[in-house]
Protein backbone atom coordinates (compact mmCIF):
# COMPACT_ATOMS: atom_id res chain seq x y z
CA MET A 1 0.00 0.00 0.00
CA ALA A 2 2.81 2.40 0.88
CA ALA A 3 4.65 1.52 -2.33
CA ARG A 4 1.54 2.34 -4.35
CA ARG A 5 1.19 5.67 -2.57
CA VAL A 6 4.85 6.53 -3.30
CA LEU A 7 4.41 5.53 -6.94
CA LEU A 8 1.31 7.70 -7.34
CA TRP A 9 3.07 10.58 -5.60
CA ASN A 10 6.01 10.34 -8.00
CA ILE A 11 3.73 10.15 -11.04
CA MET A 12 1.88 13.26 -9.95
CA ARG A 13 5.13 15.15 -9.43
CA ILE A 14 6.51 14.42 -12.90
CA PRO A 15 6.16 17.56 -14.99
CA ARG A 16 4.21 16.82 -18.09
CA ARG A 17 5.31 18.50 -21.25
CA ILE A 18 2.77 19.33 -23.90
CA VAL A 19 4.12 19.16 -27.42
CA HIS A 20 1.93 20.84 -30.02
CA ASP A 21 1.83 19.93 -33.66
CA ARG A 22 3.26 22.92 -35.50
CA THR A 23 1.87 22.89 -38.98
CA ASN A 24 3.23 25.18 -41.63
CA PRO A 25 0.71 28.04 -42.07
CA MET A 26 2.14 28.70 -45.53
CA GLU A 27 0.81 25.33 -46.70
CA SER A 28 -2.63 25.53 -45.13
CA LEU A 29 -3.54 29.15 -45.96
CA SER A 30 -4.40 30.69 -49.29
CA GLU A 31 -2.39 33.60 -50.70
CA ASP A 32 -5.05 36.14 -49.64
CA GLU A 33 -5.23 34.73 -46.10
CA ILE A 34 -1.44 34.91 -45.82
CA PHE A 35 -1.52 38.55 -46.89
CA GLN A 36 -4.33 39.37 -44.44
CA ARG A 37 -2.50 37.78 -41.49
CA TYR A 38 1.11 38.74 -42.18
CA ARG A 39 0.81 41.79 -44.52
CA PHE A 40 3.24 40.20 -46.98
CA ARG A 41 2.86 37.82 -49.90
CA SER A 42 4.31 34.33 -49.54
CA ALA A 43 7.17 35.03 -51.97
CA THR A 44 8.24 38.02 -49.87
CA ILE A 45 8.02 35.98 -46.66
CA PHE A 46 10.26 33.31 -48.16
CA TYR A 47 12.67 36.05 -49.32
CA ILE A 48 12.84 37.52 -45.80
CA CYS A 49 13.31 34.05 -44.35
CA GLY A 50 16.14 33.36 -46.81
CA LEU A 51 17.91 36.56 -45.77
CA ILE A 52 17.96 35.80 -42.05
CA ALA A 53 17.52 32.01 -41.81
CA GLU A 54 21.17 31.40 -40.90
CA GLY A 55 20.91 33.70 -37.91
CA LEU A 56 17.69 32.04 -36.74
CA ALA A 57 18.77 28.42 -37.10
CA HIS A 58 19.69 26.56 -33.92
CA GLN A 59 22.78 24.38 -33.77
CA THR A 60 20.94 21.54 -32.03
CA GLN A 61 17.37 20.29 -32.05
CA ARG A 62 17.28 20.34 -28.25
CA SER A 63 13.95 21.43 -26.75
CA CYS A 64 12.22 21.47 -30.16
CA PRO A 65 13.27 24.93 -31.37
CA LEU A 66 11.08 26.89 -33.76
CA PRO A 67 12.18 26.58 -37.38
CA PRO A 68 13.33 29.84 -39.01
CA LEU A 69 10.19 30.13 -41.17
CA LEU A 70 7.91 29.90 -38.14
CA GLN A 71 10.03 32.46 -36.28
CA VAL A 72 9.67 34.86 -39.19
CA LEU A 73 5.91 34.25 -39.34
CA VAL A 74 5.56 34.86 -35.61
CA ALA A 75 7.47 38.14 -35.86
CA LEU A 76 5.57 39.29 -38.95
CA ARG A 77 2.28 38.52 -37.21
CA PHE A 78 3.39 40.63 -34.27
CA PHE A 79 4.52 43.47 -36.57
CA ALA A 80 1.25 43.32 -38.52
CA THR A 81 -1.12 43.25 -35.55
CA GLY A 82 0.81 44.59 -32.58
CA SER A 83 -1.11 42.06 -30.52
CA PHE A 84 -0.11 40.42 -27.25
CA TYR A 85 2.43 37.61 -27.35
CA GLN A 86 -0.10 35.22 -25.81
CA LEU A 87 -2.62 35.76 -28.62
CA ILE A 88 0.01 35.36 -31.32
CA GLY A 89 1.31 32.23 -29.65
CA ASP A 90 -2.18 30.76 -29.36
CA SER A 91 -2.86 31.32 -33.05
CA LEU A 92 0.37 29.56 -34.08
CA SER A 93 0.61 26.96 -31.26
CA VAL A 94 3.72 28.57 -29.80
CA SER A 95 4.42 29.57 -26.20
CA LYS A 96 4.45 33.20 -25.14
CA SER A 97 8.16 33.10 -24.32
CA ALA A 98 8.97 31.55 -27.72
CA VAL A 99 7.06 34.40 -29.39
CA GLY A 100 9.12 36.94 -27.48
CA ARG A 101 12.39 35.26 -28.39
CA ALA A 102 11.38 35.00 -32.07
CA VAL A 103 10.31 38.65 -32.27
CA ARG A 104 13.54 39.78 -30.64
CA ALA A 105 15.73 37.62 -32.90
CA VAL A 106 13.96 38.54 -36.14
CA THR A 107 13.92 42.25 -35.24
CA SER A 108 17.63 42.35 -34.51
CA LEU A 109 18.51 40.45 -37.70
CA LEU A 110 16.27 42.65 -39.87
CA SER A 111 17.62 45.84 -38.31
CA ALA A 112 21.15 44.66 -39.11
CA LEU A 113 20.12 44.52 -42.79
CA THR A 114 18.95 48.14 -42.98
CA PRO A 115 22.12 49.46 -44.69
CA GLN A 116 21.50 46.96 -47.48
CA PHE A 117 17.97 48.24 -48.17
CA ILE A 118 17.73 51.81 -46.83
CA LYS A 119 19.95 54.57 -48.17
CA PHE A 120 19.58 58.16 -47.10
CA PRO A 121 20.57 60.79 -49.66
CA SER A 122 23.75 62.75 -49.23
CA GLN A 123 24.14 66.50 -49.75
CA ASN A 124 25.30 65.90 -53.33
CA ASP A 125 22.09 64.01 -54.16
CA PHE A 126 19.67 66.82 -53.19
CA PRO A 127 19.66 68.74 -56.52
CA ARG A 128 19.05 65.57 -58.52
CA ILE A 129 16.28 64.44 -56.17
CA ARG A 130 14.63 67.88 -56.26
CA THR A 131 14.69 67.89 -60.08
CA LYS A 132 13.21 64.41 -60.22
CA PHE A 133 10.52 65.35 -57.72
CA TYR A 134 9.41 68.39 -59.71
CA GLN A 135 9.34 66.34 -62.90
CA LEU A 136 7.09 63.76 -61.26
CA ALA A 137 4.90 66.28 -59.46
CA GLY A 138 4.38 68.51 -62.49
CA LYS A 139 6.00 71.62 -61.06
CA LEU A 140 3.97 72.12 -57.93
CA HIS A 141 3.45 75.68 -56.78
CA ILE A 142 3.45 75.66 -53.03
CA GLN A 143 2.25 78.83 -51.36
CA TYR A 144 3.39 79.41 -47.85
CA PRO A 145 1.36 81.62 -45.53
CA ASN A 146 2.66 85.15 -45.20
CA ASN A 147 3.92 85.61 -41.69
CA ASN A 148 4.17 89.44 -42.07
CA SER A 149 0.46 90.08 -42.47
CA LYS A 150 -1.67 90.02 -39.37
């Protein structure tokens, strides 16, 4: 009787881990649904994933890490909705802490790529940009309010 009680006590103390089936949302959703949820088309999502996949990949498969594509989808869902981590995690079967880690990792890797995609004009570029702007705008005449008249 005592042995049974000890066995039941040990079984109850064993932490149970819940492993969710993580399906690929890119396979189960249509192109319009992907755009509505992530604000990008699937080709663009795969392009983003290709740019930063090496930085998101884990060296080991210990503790079932999120694959790079799912990390990118989690981060894009957060960027698109600005929702709570818990809600994003529930929609993709991911824990709240995994959502936070994915958003942090994807954000830092994307921000490191800004020099590759964003270029601010230098002082020498201003005349050319101004000329191009007026050509596109059709020579806008902007009237500023006269500050001298009261």
